[in-house]
Structures are given as C-alpha cells and as structure tokens.
Amino acid sequence: GPRVFVTRSPCVKSSDGQLLPSVVSRPEAMSEETWQWLCSLPFGAIMFSSRGSTPMPAILADGDLDGDWYFVCWDAALLESVRPRPPAAGDVNEAAAEKEAAVAQRPRREDGGWFASAQ
C-alpha cells in the first residue's frame, strides 16, 4: 500500500528516517466522526502506536512526543529514491517497527497535494 517517509531533525543516520505505511481509508475500529475530522485537516495527521517495545518516535533520531516536529513526505517522485536499509545488529526489527506505527494521511488530492505543487 501507500507509504510515507518520516523523520525528525537531526536526521544523521540512515535509521533516523523510516518508510511507514499510510492509512488512506477509515480503519474498521475508527469512528466515522473521527475519520471525518482527520480528513478535514489540511495535511492529515501522524499518529504513533503505543504498542510495541520501542516507540516509533524513539527510532526516528531518538525523538519523543514533547514538541518534536516531524517531517513527513508522501511525494511519489521523492519516495522513488528512498530505499529501506537492512536492519543492522541491535536495530529494532523493521517488520515489528512497521506494525507499531502507521501514518494517517488525508486522501490525496488529484493535483498531488501541497508538496508536489510547491515551487
């Protein structure tokens, strides 16, 4: 399915950025009201799961949720250049990390969205 690249500053190691799944349709467990609210946001929202042993913000350049700003890229042309790296010894299992995080993104507009049209 669709993916996004997520990181925060400073992003100095290849593991500081992650390709994460993008949610573009309402999950069964989410209320219609909540989904409509998410879809009303200009660029969607990023949500990190509280499940798992290592929170995704900690994987992203040792981030946390105390005001860090995250960079999220969904531009297909840029994502073509992003390649997942094989996990190194001591890294969080990439498959487990993918299950622990998902990004809710507003359904893409036909014009490609803000980033694709920025000059």
PDB file of N, CA and C in Angstrom:
ATOM      1  N   GLY A   1       0.806  -1.190   0.000  1.00  0.00           N
ATOM      2  CA  GLY A   1       0.000   0.000   0.000  1.00  0.00           C
ATOM      3  C   GLY A   1       0.849   1.255   0.000  1.00  0.00           C
ATOM      4  N   PRO A   2       0.219   2.398   0.068  1.00  0.00           N
ATOM      5  CA  PRO A   2       0.959   3.662   0.061  1.00  0.00           C
ATOM      6  C   PRO A   2       1.849   3.796   1.292  1.00  0.00           C
ATOM      7  N   ARG A   3       2.981   4.443   1.091  1.00  0.00           N
ATOM      8  CA  ARG A   3       3.925   4.642   2.186  1.00  0.00           C
ATOM      9  C   ARG A   3       4.345   6.101   2.229  1.00  0.00           C
ATOM     10  N   VAL A   4       4.866   6.501   3.381  1.00  0.00           N
ATOM     11  CA  VAL A   4       5.408   7.842   3.566  1.00  0.00           C
ATOM     12  C   VAL A   4       6.772   7.703   4.228  1.00  0.00           C
ATOM     13  N   PHE A   5       7.615   8.716   4.023  1.00  0.00           N
ATOM     14  CA  PHE A   5       8.908   8.768   4.704  1.00  0.00           C
ATOM     15  C   PHE A   5       8.753   9.723   5.871  1.00  0.00           C
ATOM     16  N   VAL A   6       9.161   9.288   7.069  1.00  0.00           N
ATOM     17  CA  VAL A   6       9.020  10.098   8.279  1.00  0.00           C
ATOM     18  C   VAL A   6      10.371  10.205   8.968  1.00  0.00           C
ATOM     19  N   THR A   7      10.733  11.418   9.384  1.00  0.00           N
ATOM     20  CA  THR A   7      11.953  11.642  10.153  1.00  0.00           C
ATOM     21  C   THR A   7      11.769  12.894  10.995  1.00  0.00           C
ATOM     22  N   ARG A   8      12.784  13.224  11.764  1.00  0.00           N
ATOM     23  CA  ARG A   8      12.819  14.464  12.520  1.00  0.00           C
ATOM     24  C   ARG A   8      14.258  14.944  12.505  1.00  0.00           C
ATOM     25  N   SER A   9      14.487  16.167  12.880  1.00  0.00           N
ATOM     26  CA  SER A   9      15.829  16.739  12.878  1.00  0.00           C
ATOM     27  C   SER A   9      16.459  16.569  14.253  1.00  0.00           C
ATOM     28  N   PRO A  10      17.736  16.207  14.318  1.00  0.00           N
ATOM     29  CA  PRO A  10      18.643  15.953  13.207  1.00  0.00           C
ATOM     30  C   PRO A  10      18.524  14.513  12.712  1.00  0.00           C
ATOM     31  N   CYS A  11      18.504  14.346  11.415  1.00  0.00           N
ATOM     32  CA  CYS A  11      18.450  13.024  10.785  1.00  0.00           C
ATOM     33  C   CYS A  11      19.844  12.761  10.230  1.00  0.00           C
ATOM     34  N   VAL A  12      20.690  12.084  11.009  1.00  0.00           N
ATOM     35  CA  VAL A  12      22.085  11.885  10.609  1.00  0.00           C
ATOM     36  C   VAL A  12      22.416  10.431  10.281  1.00  0.00           C
ATOM     37  N   LYS A  13      21.636   9.492  10.806  1.00  0.00           N
ATOM     38  CA  LYS A  13      21.860   8.076  10.500  1.00  0.00           C
ATOM     39  C   LYS A  13      20.746   7.606   9.575  1.00  0.00           C
ATOM     40  N   SER A  14      21.044   6.585   8.771  1.00  0.00           N
ATOM     41  CA  SER A  14      20.012   6.085   7.862  1.00  0.00           C
ATOM     42  C   SER A  14      18.800   5.558   8.619  1.00  0.00           C
ATOM     43  N   SER A  15      18.985   5.114   9.847  1.00  0.00           N
ATOM     44  CA  SER A  15      17.863   4.601  10.635  1.00  0.00           C
ATOM     45  C   SER A  15      17.018   5.727  11.238  1.00  0.00           C
ATOM     46  N   ASP A  16      17.463   6.987  11.125  1.00  0.00           N
ATOM     47  CA  ASP A  16      16.704   8.121  11.676  1.00  0.00           C
ATOM     48  C   ASP A  16      15.463   8.453  10.857  1.00  0.00           C
ATOM     49  N   GLY A  17      15.354   7.905   9.673  1.00  0.00           N
ATOM     50  CA  GLY A  17      14.172   8.074   8.844  1.00  0.00           C
ATOM     51  C   GLY A  17      13.593   6.700   8.544  1.00  0.00           C
ATOM     52  N   GLN A  18      12.280   6.622   8.445  1.00  0.00           N
ATOM     53  CA  GLN A  18      11.625   5.338   8.214  1.00  0.00           C
ATOM     54  C   GLN A  18      10.538   5.476   7.163  1.00  0.00           C
ATOM     55  N   LEU A  19      10.400   4.439   6.322  1.00  0.00           N
ATOM     56  CA  LEU A  19       9.251   4.333   5.433  1.00  0.00           C
ATOM     57  C   LEU A  19       8.149   3.657   6.228  1.00  0.00           C
ATOM     58  N   LEU A  20       7.000   4.306   6.331  1.00  0.00           N
ATOM     59  CA  LEU A  20       5.897   3.783   7.131  1.00  0.00           C
ATOM     60  C   LEU A  20       4.645   3.665   6.276  1.00  0.00           C
ATOM     61  N   PRO A  21       3.769   2.745   6.646  1.00  0.00           N
ATOM     62  CA  PRO A  21       2.517   2.611   5.886  1.00  0.00           C
ATOM     63  C   PRO A  21       1.627   3.827   6.086  1.00  0.00           C
ATOM     64  N   SER A  22       0.891   4.151   5.059  1.00  0.00           N
ATOM     65  CA  SER A  22      -0.031   5.279   5.097  1.00  0.00           C
ATOM     66  C   SER A  22      -1.454   4.752   5.074  1.00  0.00           C
ATOM     67  N   VAL A  23      -2.272   5.249   5.963  1.00  0.00           N
ATOM     68  CA  VAL A  23      -3.672   4.842   6.042  1.00  0.00           C
ATOM     69  C   VAL A  23      -4.490   5.851   5.245  1.00  0.00           C
ATOM     70  N   VAL A  24      -5.128   5.395   4.168  1.00  0.00           N
ATOM     71  CA  VAL A  24      -5.893   6.308   3.316  1.00  0.00           C
ATOM     72  C   VAL A  24      -7.381   5.969   3.280  1.00  0.00           C
ATOM     73  N   SER A  25      -7.785   4.977   4.060  1.00  0.00           N
ATOM     74  CA  SER A  25      -9.209   4.685   4.207  1.00  0.00           C
ATOM     75  C   SER A  25      -9.476   4.405   5.686  1.00  0.00           C
ATOM     76  N   ARG A  26     -10.686   4.625   6.103  1.00  0.00           N
ATOM     77  CA  ARG A  26     -11.041   4.529   7.520  1.00  0.00           C
ATOM     78  C   ARG A  26     -10.858   3.107   8.043  1.00  0.00           C
ATOM     79  N   PRO A  27     -10.026   2.930   9.089  1.00  0.00           N
ATOM     80  CA  PRO A  27      -9.906   1.620   9.728  1.00  0.00           C
ATOM     81  C   PRO A  27     -11.236   1.239  10.369  1.00  0.00           C
ATOM     82  N   GLU A  28     -11.554  -0.040  10.370  1.00  0.00           N
ATOM     83  CA  GLU A  28     -12.837  -0.506  10.910  1.00  0.00           C
ATOM     84  C   GLU A  28     -13.069  -0.049  12.341  1.00  0.00           C
ATOM     85  N   ALA A  29     -12.010  -0.014  13.159  1.00  0.00           N
ATOM     86  CA  ALA A  29     -12.165   0.337  14.570  1.00  0.00           C
ATOM     87  C   ALA A  29     -12.323   1.836  14.807  1.00  0.00           C
ATOM     88  N   MET A  30     -12.141   2.662  13.776  1.00  0.00           N
ATOM     89  CA  MET A  30     -12.227   4.109  13.931  1.00  0.00           C
ATOM     90  C   MET A  30     -13.649   4.576  13.628  1.00  0.00           C
ATOM     91  N   SER A  31     -14.157   5.487  14.439  1.00  0.00           N
ATOM     92  CA  SER A  31     -15.499   6.007  14.210  1.00  0.00           C
ATOM     93  C   SER A  31     -15.512   6.873  12.950  1.00  0.00           C
ATOM     94  N   GLU A  32     -16.664   6.941  12.327  1.00  0.00           N
ATOM     95  CA  GLU A  32     -16.828   7.780  11.140  1.00  0.00           C
ATOM     96  C   GLU A  32     -16.560   9.247  11.487  1.00  0.00           C
ATOM     97  N   GLU A  33     -16.983   9.663  12.682  1.00  0.00           N
ATOM     98  CA  GLU A  33     -16.773  11.045  13.125  1.00  0.00           C
ATOM     99  C   GLU A  33     -15.278  11.372  13.222  1.00  0.00           C
ATOM    100  N   THR A  34     -14.506  10.473  13.808  1.00  0.00           N
ATOM    101  CA  THR A  34     -13.059  10.688  13.918  1.00  0.00           C
ATOM    102  C   THR A  34     -12.411  10.713  12.542  1.00  0.00           C
ATOM    103  N   TRP A  35     -12.821   9.798  11.665  1.00  0.00           N
ATOM    104  CA  TRP A  35     -12.254   9.763  10.311  1.00  0.00           C
ATOM    105  C   TRP A  35     -12.561  11.056   9.568  1.00  0.00           C
ATOM    106  N   GLN A  36     -13.782  11.562   9.677  1.00  0.00           N
ATOM    107  CA  GLN A  36     -14.149  12.811   9.008  1.00  0.00           C
ATOM    108  C   GLN A  36     -13.327  13.978   9.544  1.00  0.00           C
ATOM    109  N   TRP A  37     -13.068  13.980  10.854  1.00  0.00           N
ATOM    110  CA  TRP A  37     -12.225  15.029  11.436  1.00  0.00           C
ATOM    111  C   TRP A  37     -10.819  14.962  10.846  1.00  0.00           C
ATOM    112  N   LEU A  38     -10.229  13.758  10.758  1.00  0.00           N
ATOM    113  CA  LEU A  38      -8.894  13.609  10.177  1.00  0.00           C
ATOM    114  C   LEU A  38      -8.874  14.097   8.729  1.00  0.00           C
ATOM    115  N   CYS A  39      -9.905  13.731   7.980  1.00  0.00           N
ATOM    116  CA  CYS A  39      -9.973  14.132   6.572  1.00  0.00           C
ATOM    117  C   CYS A  39     -10.160  15.634   6.410  1.00  0.00           C
ATOM    118  N   SER A  40     -10.650  16.314   7.442  1.00  0.00           N
ATOM    119  CA  SER A  40     -10.848  17.760   7.359  1.00  0.00           C
ATOM    120  C   SER A  40      -9.555  18.535   7.588  1.00  0.00           C
ATOM    121  N   LEU A  41      -8.521  17.879   8.119  1.00  0.00           N
ATOM    122  CA  LEU A  41      -7.247  18.551   8.357  1.00  0.00           C
ATOM    123  C   LEU A  41      -6.550  18.821   7.029  1.00  0.00           C
ATOM    124  N   PRO A  42      -5.823  19.932   6.914  1.00  0.00           N
ATOM    125  CA  PRO A  42      -5.197  20.275   5.634  1.00  0.00           C
ATOM    126  C   PRO A  42      -4.243  19.200   5.102  1.00  0.00           C
ATOM    127  N   PHE A  43      -3.473  18.562   5.986  1.00  0.00           N
ATOM    128  CA  PHE A  43      -2.493  17.581   5.529  1.00  0.00           C
ATOM    129  C   PHE A  43      -2.633  16.251   6.231  1.00  0.00           C
ATOM    130  N   GLY A  44      -3.731  15.996   6.926  1.00  0.00           N
ATOM    131  CA  GLY A  44      -3.881  14.745   7.658  1.00  0.00           C
ATOM    132  C   GLY A  44      -3.206  14.841   9.007  1.00  0.00           C
ATOM    133  N   ALA A  45      -2.770  13.722   9.525  1.00  0.00           N
ATOM    134  CA  ALA A  45      -2.132  13.688  10.841  1.00  0.00           C
ATOM    135  C   ALA A  45      -1.191  12.501  10.899  1.00  0.00           C
ATOM    136  N   ILE A  46      -0.231  12.594  11.784  1.00  0.00           N
ATOM    137  CA  ILE A  46       0.642  11.450  12.034  1.00  0.00           C
ATOM    138  C   ILE A  46       0.315  10.952  13.430  1.00  0.00           C
ATOM    139  N   MET A  47       0.136   9.653  13.534  1.00  0.00           N
ATOM    140  CA  MET A  47      -0.181   9.032  14.822  1.00  0.00           C
ATOM    141  C   MET A  47       0.764   7.863  15.022  1.00  0.00           C
ATOM    142  N   PHE A  48       1.333   7.793  16.210  1.00  0.00           N
ATOM    143  CA  PHE A  48       2.222   6.697  16.544  1.00  0.00           C
ATOM    144  C   PHE A  48       1.516   5.759  17.503  1.00  0.00           C
ATOM    145  N   SER A  49       1.639   4.469  17.260  1.00  0.00           N
ATOM    146  CA  SER A  49       1.036   3.468  18.121  1.00  0.00           C
ATOM    147  C   SER A  49       1.723   3.450  19.478  1.00  0.00           C
ATOM    148  N   SER A  50       0.974   3.088  20.494  1.00  0.00           N
ATOM    149  CA  SER A  50       1.561   2.928  21.828  1.00  0.00           C
ATOM    150  C   SER A  50       1.930   1.460  22.076  1.00  0.00           C
ATOM    151  N   ARG A  51       1.745   0.606  21.091  1.00  0.00           N
ATOM    152  CA  ARG A  51       2.085  -0.814  21.213  1.00  0.00           C
ATOM    153  C   ARG A  51       3.538  -1.040  20.839  1.00  0.00           C
ATOM    154  N   GLY A  52       4.081  -2.129  21.337  1.00  0.00           N
ATOM    155  CA  GLY A  52       5.447  -2.490  20.987  1.00  0.00           C
ATOM    156  C   GLY A  52       6.437  -2.066  22.046  1.00  0.00           C
ATOM    157  N   SER A  53       7.635  -2.607  21.927  1.00  0.00           N
ATOM    158  CA  SER A  53       8.655  -2.351  22.944  1.00  0.00           C
ATOM    159  C   SER A  53       9.423  -1.060  22.708  1.00  0.00           C
ATOM    160  N   THR A  54       9.541  -0.619  21.453  1.00  0.00           N
ATOM    161  CA  THR A  54      10.266   0.610  21.142  1.00  0.00           C
ATOM    162  C   THR A  54       9.343   1.560  20.404  1.00  0.00           C
ATOM    163  N   PRO A  55       9.015   2.709  20.998  1.00  0.00           N
ATOM    164  CA  PRO A  55       8.124   3.652  20.312  1.00  0.00           C
ATOM    165  C   PRO A  55       8.767   4.177  19.027  1.00  0.00           C
ATOM    166  N   MET A  56       7.970   4.339  17.979  1.00  0.00           N
ATOM    167  CA  MET A  56       8.492   4.844  16.704  1.00  0.00           C
ATOM    168  C   MET A  56       9.196   6.188  16.874  1.00  0.00           C
ATOM    169  N   PRO A  57       8.700   7.145  17.679  1.00  0.00           N
ATOM    170  CA  PRO A  57       9.454   8.398  17.824  1.00  0.00           C
ATOM    171  C   PRO A  57      10.889   8.172  18.306  1.00  0.00           C
ATOM    172  N   ALA A  58      11.125   7.178  19.143  1.00  0.00           N
ATOM    173  CA  ALA A  58      12.482   6.903  19.614  1.00  0.00           C
ATOM    174  C   ALA A  58      13.360   6.369  18.485  1.00  0.00           C
ATOM    175  N   ILE A  59      12.770   5.661  17.531  1.00  0.00           N
ATOM    176  CA  ILE A  59      13.525   5.141  16.390  1.00  0.00           C
ATOM    177  C   ILE A  59      13.905   6.285  15.448  1.00  0.00           C
ATOM    178  N   LEU A  60      13.069   7.302  15.376  1.00  0.00           N
ATOM    179  CA  LEU A  60      13.294   8.442  14.483  1.00  0.00           C
ATOM    180  C   LEU A  60      14.218   9.458  15.153  1.00  0.00           C
ATOM    181  N   ALA A  61      15.515   9.228  15.070  1.00  0.00           N
ATOM    182  CA  ALA A  61      16.524  10.154  15.604  1.00  0.00           C
ATOM    183  C   ALA A  61      16.319  10.424  17.087  1.00  0.00           C
ATOM    184  N   ASP A  62      15.996   9.370  17.841  1.00  0.00           N
ATOM    185  CA  ASP A  62      15.808   9.475  19.294  1.00  0.00           C
ATOM    186  C   ASP A  62      14.779  10.536  19.670  1.00  0.00           C
ATOM    187  N   GLY A  63      13.718  10.643  18.886  1.00  0.00           N
ATOM    188  CA  GLY A  63      12.672  11.621  19.151  1.00  0.00           C
ATOM    189  C   GLY A  63      11.732  11.191  20.261  1.00  0.00           C
ATOM    190  N   ASP A  64      10.828  12.075  20.589  1.00  0.00           N
ATOM    191  CA  ASP A  64       9.786  11.798  21.579  1.00  0.00           C
ATOM    192  C   ASP A  64       8.581  12.658  21.214  1.00  0.00           C
ATOM    193  N   LEU A  65       7.646  12.759  22.101  1.00  0.00           N
ATOM    194  CA  LEU A  65       6.414  13.491  21.796  1.00  0.00           C
ATOM    195  C   LEU A  65       6.257  14.737  22.657  1.00  0.00           C
ATOM    196  N   ASP A  66       7.371  15.374  22.996  1.00  0.00           N
ATOM    197  CA  ASP A  66       7.295  16.571  23.845  1.00  0.00           C
ATOM    198  C   ASP A  66       7.418  17.861  23.042  1.00  0.00           C
ATOM    199  N   GLY A  67       6.982  17.831  21.805  1.00  0.00           N
ATOM    200  CA  GLY A  67       7.045  19.028  20.974  1.00  0.00           C
ATOM    201  C   GLY A  67       7.925  18.884  19.752  1.00  0.00           C
ATOM    202  N   ASP A  68       8.498  17.694  19.534  1.00  0.00           N
ATOM    203  CA  ASP A  68       9.310  17.476  18.338  1.00  0.00           C
ATOM    204  C   ASP A  68       8.459  17.707  17.090  1.00  0.00           C
ATOM    205  N   TRP A  69       9.082  18.226  16.061  1.00  0.00           N
ATOM    206  CA  TRP A  69       8.430  18.401  14.768  1.00  0.00           C
ATOM    207  C   TRP A  69       8.933  17.301  13.861  1.00  0.00           C
ATOM    208  N   TYR A  70       8.028  16.636  13.188  1.00  0.00           N
ATOM    209  CA  TYR A  70       8.377  15.534  12.308  1.00  0.00           C
ATOM    210  C   TYR A  70       8.194  15.954  10.857  1.00  0.00           C
ATOM    211  N   PHE A  71       9.082  15.467  10.000  1.00  0.00           N
ATOM    212  CA  PHE A  71       8.989  15.690   8.564  1.00  0.00           C
ATOM    213  C   PHE A  71       8.332  14.454   7.957  1.00  0.00           C
ATOM    214  N   VAL A  72       7.257  14.654   7.207  1.00  0.00           N
ATOM    215  CA  VAL A  72       6.543  13.555   6.558  1.00  0.00           C
ATOM    216  C   VAL A  72       6.482  13.859   5.068  1.00  0.00           C
ATOM    217  N   CYS A  73       6.975  12.938   4.251  1.00  0.00           N
ATOM    218  CA  CYS A  73       6.976  13.125   2.801  1.00  0.00           C
ATOM    219  C   CYS A  73       6.168  12.019   2.148  1.00  0.00           C
ATOM    220  N   TRP A  74       5.189  12.398   1.317  1.00  0.00           N
ATOM    221  CA  TRP A  74       4.407  11.417   0.585  1.00  0.00           C
ATOM    222  C   TRP A  74       4.510  11.633  -0.924  1.00  0.00           C
ATOM    223  N   ASP A  75       5.414  12.488  -1.356  1.00  0.00           N
ATOM    224  CA  ASP A  75       5.593  12.757  -2.778  1.00  0.00           C
ATOM    225  C   ASP A  75       6.185  11.520  -3.464  1.00  0.00           C
ATOM    226  N   ALA A  76       5.434  10.927  -4.377  1.00  0.00           N
ATOM    227  CA  ALA A  76       5.846   9.678  -5.026  1.00  0.00           C
ATOM    228  C   ALA A  76       7.189   9.814  -5.739  1.00  0.00           C
ATOM    229  N   ALA A  77       7.441  10.956  -6.372  1.00  0.00           N
ATOM    230  CA  ALA A  77       8.705  11.147  -7.093  1.00  0.00           C
ATOM    231  C   ALA A  77       9.891  11.109  -6.133  1.00  0.00           C
ATOM    232  N   LEU A  78       9.752  11.697  -4.957  1.00  0.00           N
ATOM    233  CA  LEU A  78      10.842  11.662  -3.975  1.00  0.00           C
ATOM    234  C   LEU A  78      10.973  10.282  -3.345  1.00  0.00           C
ATOM    235  N   LEU A  79       9.840   9.641  -3.066  1.00  0.00           N
ATOM    236  CA  LEU A  79       9.884   8.331  -2.410  1.00  0.00           C
ATOM    237  C   LEU A  79      10.506   7.256  -3.285  1.00  0.00           C
ATOM    238  N   GLU A  80      10.516   7.460  -4.609  1.00  0.00           N
ATOM    239  CA  GLU A  80      11.174   6.501  -5.501  1.00  0.00           C
ATOM    240  C   GLU A  80      12.655   6.368  -5.173  1.00  0.00           C
ATOM    241  N   SER A  81      13.256   7.408  -4.606  1.00  0.00           N
ATOM    242  CA  SER A  81      14.681   7.399  -4.275  1.00  0.00           C
ATOM    243  C   SER A  81      14.973   6.841  -2.893  1.00  0.00           C
ATOM    244  N   VAL A  82      13.950   6.650  -2.067  1.00  0.00           N
ATOM    245  CA  VAL A  82      14.145   6.160  -0.698  1.00  0.00           C
ATOM    246  C   VAL A  82      14.131   4.645  -0.722  1.00  0.00           C
ATOM    247  N   ARG A  83      15.181   4.046  -0.215  1.00  0.00           N
ATOM    248  CA  ARG A  83      15.290   2.592  -0.159  1.00  0.00           C
ATOM    249  C   ARG A  83      15.446   2.153   1.284  1.00  0.00           C
ATOM    250  N   PRO A  84      14.611   1.200   1.722  1.00  0.00           N
ATOM    251  CA  PRO A  84      14.802   0.684   3.087  1.00  0.00           C
ATOM    252  C   PRO A  84      16.166   0.022   3.191  1.00  0.00           C
ATOM    253  N   ARG A  85      16.801   0.175   4.313  1.00  0.00           N
ATOM    254  CA  ARG A  85      18.096  -0.479   4.522  1.00  0.00           C
ATOM    255  C   ARG A  85      17.859  -1.724   5.363  1.00  0.00           C
ATOM    256  N   PRO A  86      18.679  -2.748   5.164  1.00  0.00           N
ATOM    257  CA  PRO A  86      18.530  -3.935   6.004  1.00  0.00           C
ATOM    258  C   PRO A  86      18.852  -3.585   7.453  1.00  0.00           C
ATOM    259  N   PRO A  87      18.111  -4.135   8.418  1.00  0.00           N
ATOM    260  CA  PRO A  87      18.405  -3.840   9.821  1.00  0.00           C
ATOM    261  C   PRO A  87      19.813  -4.311  10.198  1.00  0.00           C
ATOM    262  N   ALA A  88      20.520  -3.491  10.955  1.00  0.00           N
ATOM    263  CA  ALA A  88      21.847  -3.853  11.456  1.00  0.00           C
ATOM    264  C   ALA A  88      21.684  -4.537  12.812  1.00  0.00           C
ATOM    265  N   ALA A  89      22.728  -5.187  13.267  1.00  0.00           N
ATOM    266  CA  ALA A  89      22.687  -5.842  14.581  1.00  0.00           C
ATOM    267  C   ALA A  89      22.309  -4.817  15.640  1.00  0.00           C
ATOM    268  N   GLY A  90      21.357  -5.149  16.476  1.00  0.00           N
ATOM    269  CA  GLY A  90      20.928  -4.247  17.537  1.00  0.00           C
ATOM    270  C   GLY A  90      19.797  -3.320  17.147  1.00  0.00           C
ATOM    271  N   ASP A  91      19.472  -3.254  15.845  1.00  0.00           N
ATOM    272  CA  ASP A  91      18.363  -2.414  15.393  1.00  0.00           C
ATOM    273  C   ASP A  91      17.040  -3.059  15.764  1.00  0.00           C
ATOM    274  N   VAL A  92      16.028  -2.242  15.874  1.00  0.00           N
ATOM    275  CA  VAL A  92      14.674  -2.744  16.057  1.00  0.00           C
ATOM    276  C   VAL A  92      14.280  -3.463  14.778  1.00  0.00           C
ATOM    277  N   ASN A  93      13.661  -4.609  14.890  1.00  0.00           N
ATOM    278  CA  ASN A  93      13.220  -5.366  13.738  1.00  0.00           C
ATOM    279  C   ASN A  93      12.322  -4.491  12.873  1.00  0.00           C
ATOM    280  N   GLU A  94      12.667  -4.334  11.598  1.00  0.00           N
ATOM    281  CA  GLU A  94      11.934  -3.435  10.710  1.00  0.00           C
ATOM    282  C   GLU A  94      10.470  -3.846  10.567  1.00  0.00           C
ATOM    283  N   ALA A  95      10.198  -5.145  10.496  1.00  0.00           N
ATOM    284  CA  ALA A  95       8.808  -5.598  10.377  1.00  0.00           C
ATOM    285  C   ALA A  95       8.028  -5.241  11.632  1.00  0.00           C
ATOM    286  N   ALA A  96       8.646  -5.382  12.792  1.00  0.00           N
ATOM    287  CA  ALA A  96       7.972  -5.025  14.044  1.00  0.00           C
ATOM    288  C   ALA A  96       7.731  -3.527  14.094  1.00  0.00           C
ATOM    289  N   ALA A  97       8.709  -2.741  13.654  1.00  0.00           N
ATOM    290  CA  ALA A  97       8.556  -1.291  13.663  1.00  0.00           C
ATOM    291  C   ALA A  97       7.406  -0.877  12.756  1.00  0.00           C
ATOM    292  N   GLU A  98       7.267  -1.539  11.606  1.00  0.00           N
ATOM    293  CA  GLU A  98       6.190  -1.199  10.684  1.00  0.00           C
ATOM    294  C   GLU A  98       4.834  -1.486  11.311  1.00  0.00           C
ATOM    295  N   LYS A  99       4.726  -2.566  12.057  1.00  0.00           N
ATOM    296  CA  LYS A  99       3.471  -2.902  12.710  1.00  0.00           C
ATOM    297  C   LYS A  99       3.151  -1.932  13.837  1.00  0.00           C
ATOM    298  N   GLU A 100       4.178  -1.314  14.428  1.00  0.00           N
ATOM    299  CA  GLU A 100       3.984  -0.431  15.580  1.00  0.00           C
ATOM    300  C   GLU A 100       3.608   0.979  15.175  1.00  0.00           C
ATOM    301  N   ALA A 101       3.698   1.308  13.907  1.00  0.00           N
ATOM    302  CA  ALA A 101       3.421   2.689  13.500  1.00  0.00           C
ATOM    303  C   ALA A 101       2.638   2.704  12.206  1.00  0.00           C
ATOM    304  N   ALA A 102       1.785   3.639  12.112  1.00  0.00           N
ATOM    305  CA  ALA A 102       1.066   3.877  10.857  1.00  0.00           C
ATOM    306  C   ALA A 102       0.806   5.364  10.762  1.00  0.00           C
ATOM    307  N   VAL A 103       0.724   5.849   9.584  1.00  0.00           N
ATOM    308  CA  VAL A 103       0.505   7.262   9.360  1.00  0.00           C
ATOM    309  C   VAL A 103      -0.867   7.430   8.742  1.00  0.00           C
ATOM    310  N   ALA A 104      -1.668   8.264   9.345  1.00  0.00           N
ATOM    311  CA  ALA A 104      -2.978   8.577   8.764  1.00  0.00           C
ATOM    312  C   ALA A 104      -2.799   9.791   7.879  1.00  0.00           C
ATOM    313  N   GLN A 105      -3.092   9.645   6.637  1.00  0.00           N
ATOM    314  CA  GLN A 105      -2.895  10.730   5.687  1.00  0.00           C
ATOM    315  C   GLN A 105      -4.225  11.029   5.010  1.00  0.00           C
ATOM    316  N   ARG A 106      -4.514  12.274   4.901  1.00  0.00           N
ATOM    317  CA  ARG A 106      -5.728  12.665   4.192  1.00  0.00           C
ATOM    318  C   ARG A 106      -5.652  12.084   2.780  1.00  0.00           C
ATOM    319  N   PRO A 107      -6.741  11.557   2.258  1.00  0.00           N
ATOM    320  CA  PRO A 107      -6.707  11.034   0.887  1.00  0.00           C
ATOM    321  C   PRO A 107      -6.131  12.076  -0.069  1.00  0.00           C
ATOM    322  N   ARG A 108      -5.238  11.625  -0.929  1.00  0.00           N
ATOM    323  CA  ARG A 108      -4.503  12.516  -1.827  1.00  0.00           C
ATOM    324  C   ARG A 108      -5.443  13.217  -2.811  1.00  0.00           C
ATOM    325  N   ARG A 109      -5.202  14.502  -2.984  1.00  0.00           N
ATOM    326  CA  ARG A 109      -5.961  15.259  -3.976  1.00  0.00           C
ATOM    327  C   ARG A 109      -5.424  14.926  -5.362  1.00  0.00           C
ATOM    328  N   GLU A 110      -6.235  15.156  -6.374  1.00  0.00           N
ATOM    329  CA  GLU A 110      -5.817  14.848  -7.737  1.00  0.00           C
ATOM    330  C   GLU A 110      -4.616  15.668  -8.180  1.00  0.00           C
ATOM    331  N   ASP A 111      -4.442  16.878  -7.626  1.00  0.00           N
ATOM    332  CA  ASP A 111      -3.310  17.709  -8.028  1.00  0.00           C
ATOM    333  C   ASP A 111      -2.014  17.281  -7.352  1.00  0.00           C
ATOM    334  N   GLY A 112      -2.051  16.227  -6.538  1.00  0.00           N
ATOM    335  CA  GLY A 112      -0.829  15.727  -5.915  1.00  0.00           C
ATOM    336  C   GLY A 112      -0.568  16.299  -4.540  1.00  0.00           C
ATOM    337  N   GLY A 113      -1.326  17.292  -4.113  1.00  0.00           N
ATOM    338  CA  GLY A 113      -1.125  17.844  -2.780  1.00  0.00           C
ATOM    339  C   GLY A 113      -0.154  19.001  -2.777  1.00  0.00           C
ATOM    340  N   TRP A 114       0.024  19.573  -1.615  1.00  0.00           N
ATOM    341  CA  TRP A 114       0.821  20.786  -1.454  1.00  0.00           C
ATOM    342  C   TRP A 114       2.280  20.595  -1.831  1.00  0.00           C
ATOM    343  N   PHE A 115       2.930  19.535  -1.314  1.00  0.00           N
ATOM    344  CA  PHE A 115       4.353  19.373  -1.559  1.00  0.00           C
ATOM    345  C   PHE A 115       4.655  19.166  -3.043  1.00  0.00           C
ATOM    346  N   ALA A 116       3.816  18.415  -3.727  1.00  0.00           N
ATOM    347  CA  ALA A 116       4.062  18.147  -5.132  1.00  0.00           C
ATOM    348  C   ALA A 116       3.926  19.406  -5.974  1.00  0.00           C
ATOM    349  N   SER A 117       3.118  20.364  -5.520  1.00  0.00           N
ATOM    350  CA  SER A 117       2.900  21.558  -6.325  1.00  0.00           C
ATOM    351  C   SER A 117       3.704  22.762  -5.847  1.00  0.00           C
ATOM    352  N   ALA A 118       4.460  22.597  -4.758  1.00  0.00           N
ATOM    353  CA  ALA A 118       5.264  23.730  -4.255  1.00  0.00           C
ATOM    354  C   ALA A 118       6.377  24.058  -5.229  1.00  0.00           C
ATOM    355  N   GLN A 119       6.665  25.338  -5.407  1.00  0.00           N
ATOM    356  CA  GLN A 119       7.725  25.765  -6.326  1.00  0.00           C
ATOM    357  C   GLN A 119       8.916  26.258  -5.562  1.00  0.00           C
TER     358      GLN A 119
END
